Amino acid sequence: MQGRQPNEPPANLSLVHVGEPQSQPSRPAQPIVAFDRRELMQILSVYGRKVGAGEWRDYAMDFLKDRALFSIYARVSERPLFVVEKNPKLRARQGQYMVTNQQGRILKRGHDLAQVLRVLDPDLAVVG
C-alpha cells in the first residue's frame, strides 16, 4: 500500500464541494387587482338580498393583473347575468367601477361603488 498524506482522500474517491443550494432567481410576484373588504361587503350585501329573493344562485370572483371581476349567475354553468368590474386604470376618467349585463352592455359606470350597484338593486339605499 502506498503512503498517502493524512488529509488526502483515497485515490478512488473524489471530493465534492457541498455548498448552499443554487436557488432559482426569484421573480417578483405579479401584482393583481382585487376588491378590498369594504367593496366586497357592499357587493355581497346586494348579492345576499338577491339570493334570498331567489333571483341569483351563484357567483365567481376573478382577480387579474389589470382588473377584478365579480360575476353573478342565475344558474350554474352559464354566462353570468351581471359582472361587477373594478379597473383602477379608469379611476381618473369615467370611474373604476362598472356593471355589465349578459350581453356585455355597460349598465352603470362610476367612481362610487354603492351608486354603481344601485343598477342591480334599485331599492338599495345608499349609505355613505
Protein backbone atom coordinates (compact mmCIF):
# COMPACT_ATOMS: atom_id res chain seq x y z
CA MET A 1 0.00 0.00 0.00
CA GLN A 2 1.37 3.32 -1.00
CA GLY A 3 1.65 6.01 1.57
CA ARG A 4 -0.75 8.92 1.46
CA GLN A 5 -0.95 12.15 3.35
CA PRO A 6 -3.30 12.21 6.40
CA ASN A 7 -5.80 14.67 4.81
CA GLU A 8 -5.65 13.18 1.33
CA PRO A 9 -8.67 11.03 0.22
CA PRO A 10 -8.09 7.56 -1.17
CA ALA A 11 -7.32 7.54 -4.90
CA ASN A 12 -10.68 6.05 -5.89
CA LEU A 13 -12.73 8.78 -4.12
CA SER A 14 -13.20 12.36 -5.19
CA LEU A 15 -14.16 15.39 -3.19
CA VAL A 16 -17.36 17.23 -3.95
CA HIS A 17 -17.99 20.68 -2.59
CA VAL A 18 -21.39 20.90 -0.98
CA GLY A 19 -22.36 24.50 -0.57
CA GLU A 20 -25.56 26.44 -0.49
CA PRO A 21 -28.07 25.08 -2.99
CA GLN A 22 -28.36 27.12 -6.14
CA SER A 23 -31.62 29.00 -5.83
CA GLN A 24 -33.67 29.94 -8.82
CA PRO A 25 -33.67 33.66 -9.49
CA SER A 26 -36.85 34.81 -7.83
CA ARG A 27 -39.35 36.65 -9.97
CA PRO A 28 -41.29 39.36 -8.24
CA ALA A 29 -44.91 38.40 -7.75
CA GLN A 30 -47.13 39.90 -10.40
CA PRO A 31 -49.47 42.44 -8.81
CA ILE A 32 -53.18 41.76 -9.13
CA VAL A 33 -56.25 43.91 -8.68
CA ALA A 34 -58.70 42.77 -6.01
CA PHE A 35 -61.74 44.08 -4.20
CA ASP A 36 -60.98 45.34 -0.71
CA ARG A 37 -63.05 44.30 2.31
CA ARG A 38 -65.39 47.32 2.12
CA GLU A 39 -66.05 46.75 -1.59
CA LEU A 40 -66.73 43.05 -1.07
CA MET A 41 -69.13 43.81 1.77
CA GLN A 42 -71.12 46.14 -0.50
CA ILE A 43 -71.22 43.63 -3.36
CA LEU A 44 -72.08 40.68 -1.11
CA SER A 45 -74.82 42.69 0.58
CA VAL A 46 -76.62 43.14 -2.76
CA TYR A 47 -75.82 39.57 -3.75
CA GLY A 48 -77.22 38.17 -0.50
CA ARG A 49 -80.52 40.02 -0.90
CA LYS A 50 -80.93 38.74 -4.47
CA VAL A 51 -80.10 35.16 -3.45
CA GLY A 52 -82.65 35.46 -0.64
CA ALA A 53 -85.22 36.60 -3.18
CA GLY A 54 -84.39 33.56 -5.37
CA GLU A 55 -83.12 35.65 -8.30
CA TRP A 56 -79.43 34.71 -8.16
CA ARG A 57 -77.79 31.42 -7.32
CA ASP A 58 -74.01 31.57 -7.75
CA TYR A 59 -71.04 33.87 -8.17
CA ALA A 60 -67.39 33.80 -9.20
CA MET A 61 -64.52 36.16 -8.49
CA ASP A 62 -61.55 36.70 -10.78
CA PHE A 63 -58.54 38.77 -9.80
CA LEU A 64 -56.44 39.72 -12.80
CA LYS A 65 -53.43 41.97 -13.24
CA ASP A 66 -55.50 44.90 -14.51
CA ARG A 67 -58.99 44.34 -13.09
CA ALA A 68 -61.12 42.43 -10.59
CA LEU A 69 -64.41 40.78 -11.58
CA PHE A 70 -67.40 39.62 -9.54
CA SER A 71 -69.64 37.56 -11.84
CA ILE A 72 -73.25 36.83 -10.85
CA TYR A 73 -75.13 33.77 -12.12
CA ALA A 74 -78.78 32.70 -12.08
CA ARG A 75 -77.80 29.03 -12.54
CA VAL A 76 -74.60 27.04 -12.52
CA SER A 77 -72.51 26.82 -15.72
CA GLU A 78 -74.00 29.53 -17.87
CA ARG A 79 -72.92 33.02 -18.76
CA PRO A 80 -73.10 35.50 -15.91
CA LEU A 81 -76.21 37.66 -15.66
CA PHE A 82 -74.09 40.58 -14.45
CA VAL A 83 -70.43 41.36 -13.90
CA VAL A 84 -69.22 43.93 -11.38
CA GLU A 85 -65.80 45.12 -12.50
CA LYS A 86 -63.11 47.16 -10.77
CA ASN A 87 -60.50 48.65 -13.11
CA PRO A 88 -58.17 51.10 -11.30
CA LYS A 89 -56.74 52.38 -14.60
CA LEU A 90 -60.09 54.08 -15.24
CA ARG A 91 -60.19 55.74 -11.81
CA ALA A 92 -59.29 59.21 -13.11
CA ARG A 93 -61.59 59.01 -16.14
CA GLN A 94 -65.10 57.54 -16.08
CA GLY A 95 -64.66 55.69 -12.78
CA GLN A 96 -63.13 52.40 -11.77
CA TYR A 97 -66.40 50.54 -11.12
CA MET A 98 -68.68 49.15 -13.81
CA VAL A 99 -71.62 46.75 -14.07
CA THR A 100 -72.24 44.93 -17.34
CA ASN A 101 -75.09 42.64 -18.34
CA GLN A 102 -75.08 39.22 -20.02
CA GLN A 103 -74.60 40.76 -23.46
CA GLY A 104 -71.63 42.86 -22.30
CA ARG A 105 -73.54 46.15 -22.31
CA ILE A 106 -72.42 48.62 -19.66
CA LEU A 107 -75.38 49.29 -17.37
CA LYS A 108 -73.67 51.69 -14.98
CA ARG A 109 -70.18 53.11 -14.50
CA GLY A 110 -68.81 55.42 -11.87
CA HIS A 111 -66.44 56.36 -9.07
CA ASP A 112 -68.71 55.27 -6.19
CA LEU A 113 -69.35 51.53 -5.93
CA ALA A 114 -72.57 51.93 -3.92
CA GLN A 115 -74.06 54.15 -6.64
CA VAL A 116 -72.98 51.74 -9.39
CA LEU A 117 -74.52 48.77 -7.54
CA ARG A 118 -77.90 50.51 -7.43
CA VAL A 119 -78.44 49.38 -11.03
CA LEU A 120 -78.62 45.80 -9.68
CA ASP A 121 -80.91 46.62 -6.75
CA PRO A 122 -82.80 49.91 -7.26
CA ASP A 123 -84.39 49.64 -3.80
CA LEU A 124 -80.93 49.69 -2.20
CA ALA A 125 -80.42 52.73 -0.02
CA VAL A 126 -77.01 54.30 -0.41
CA VAL A 127 -75.31 54.72 2.97
CA GLY A 128 -72.27 56.98 2.96
